[in-house]
Amino acid sequence: MVFAVIAVAIACVTLIAVGALQPRSGARGAERSWSLTVMGFGFCAVAGVFLTSDCHERRKAEGTLGLLFLTDLKATTWSS
C-alpha cells in the first residue's frame, strides 16, 4: 500500500512537471506516456529488490533458507 501511494505521488509530480516544462503542442501526450513508462519500470525494479530481500530475510529468520537451496527444481512439461 505504501509503495502504491508513493508511486501515485511521484506520477502526479512528474505529470505536473512535464506539463509545466513542455510547450503547448500535440507531443505532450507522448512525453507523458514515456515518462510514466520509465517511472513504472524503475518502481517495479526497486520494489522487486525490496520484496526479494524481505523474502530471504523471512526464510532466514524461520530457519528454512537452507531448505530453499536444497530443493531439487525441475522444469515440468504440461502434456495434453
Protein backbone atom coordinates (compact mmCIF):
# COMPACT_ATOMS: atom_id res chain seq x y z
CA MET A 1 0.00 0.00 0.00
CA VAL A 2 2.82 2.36 0.86
CA PHE A 3 4.57 1.67 -2.45
CA ALA A 4 1.34 2.40 -4.34
CA VAL A 5 0.86 5.74 -2.57
CA ILE A 6 4.47 6.71 -3.26
CA ALA A 7 4.13 5.72 -6.93
CA VAL A 8 0.96 7.78 -7.36
CA ALA A 9 2.57 10.79 -5.70
CA ILE A 10 5.66 10.56 -7.91
CA ALA A 11 3.49 10.14 -11.01
CA CYS A 12 1.45 13.23 -10.14
CA VAL A 13 4.56 15.33 -9.55
CA THR A 14 6.09 14.12 -12.82
CA LEU A 15 2.93 14.82 -14.80
CA ILE A 16 2.77 18.33 -13.39
CA ALA A 17 6.47 18.92 -14.12
CA VAL A 18 6.24 17.57 -17.67
CA GLY A 19 3.15 19.67 -18.34
CA ALA A 20 4.75 22.84 -16.97
CA LEU A 21 8.03 22.44 -18.84
CA GLN A 22 6.68 21.42 -22.23
CA PRO A 23 5.50 23.95 -24.78
CA ARG A 24 1.89 23.73 -25.89
CA SER A 25 1.99 21.12 -28.60
CA GLY A 26 0.43 17.82 -29.53
CA ALA A 27 3.52 15.84 -28.47
CA ARG A 28 2.88 16.27 -24.74
CA GLY A 29 0.91 13.02 -24.56
CA ALA A 30 3.85 11.04 -25.90
CA GLU A 31 6.22 12.74 -23.46
CA ARG A 32 3.96 11.98 -20.50
CA SER A 33 3.48 8.40 -21.59
CA TRP A 34 7.22 7.90 -21.93
CA SER A 35 7.95 9.42 -18.51
CA LEU A 36 5.29 7.26 -16.83
CA THR A 37 6.67 4.17 -18.54
CA VAL A 38 10.19 4.88 -17.32
CA MET A 39 8.93 5.61 -13.81
CA GLY A 40 6.87 2.43 -13.76
CA PHE A 41 9.84 0.32 -14.81
CA GLY A 42 12.07 1.93 -12.20
CA PHE A 43 9.47 1.48 -9.48
CA CYS A 44 8.99 -2.20 -10.34
CA ALA A 45 12.74 -2.79 -10.34
CA VAL A 46 13.18 -1.18 -6.92
CA ALA A 47 10.10 -2.91 -5.46
CA GLY A 48 11.38 -6.27 -6.73
CA VAL A 49 14.68 -5.82 -4.92
CA PHE A 50 12.95 -4.94 -1.65
CA LEU A 51 10.44 -7.78 -1.87
CA THR A 52 13.15 -10.32 -2.69
CA SER A 53 15.31 -9.22 0.22
CA ASP A 54 12.28 -9.37 2.53
CA CYS A 55 11.54 -12.92 1.38
CA HIS A 56 15.12 -14.01 2.02
CA GLU A 57 15.10 -12.39 5.47
CA ARG A 58 11.89 -14.20 6.43
CA ARG A 59 13.30 -17.52 5.23
CA LYS A 60 16.47 -16.89 7.22
CA ALA A 61 14.53 -15.95 10.37
CA GLU A 62 12.35 -19.08 10.08
CA GLY A 63 15.41 -21.26 9.50
CA THR A 64 14.18 -22.55 6.13
CA LEU A 65 16.68 -20.80 3.87
CA GLY A 66 18.80 -23.95 3.61
CA LEU A 67 15.77 -25.95 2.50
CA LEU A 68 15.19 -23.48 -0.30
CA PHE A 69 18.67 -24.11 -1.67
CA LEU A 70 18.45 -27.88 -1.21
CA THR A 71 15.21 -28.23 -3.13
CA ASP A 72 15.64 -30.04 -6.43
CA LEU A 73 13.97 -27.82 -9.02
CA LYS A 74 12.99 -29.36 -12.31
CA ALA A 75 11.11 -27.95 -15.24
CA THR A 76 7.70 -29.51 -15.71
CA THR A 77 6.04 -30.03 -19.01
CA TRP A 78 2.30 -29.99 -19.44
CA SER A 79 1.01 -32.67 -21.71
CA SER A 80 -2.43 -32.63 -23.24
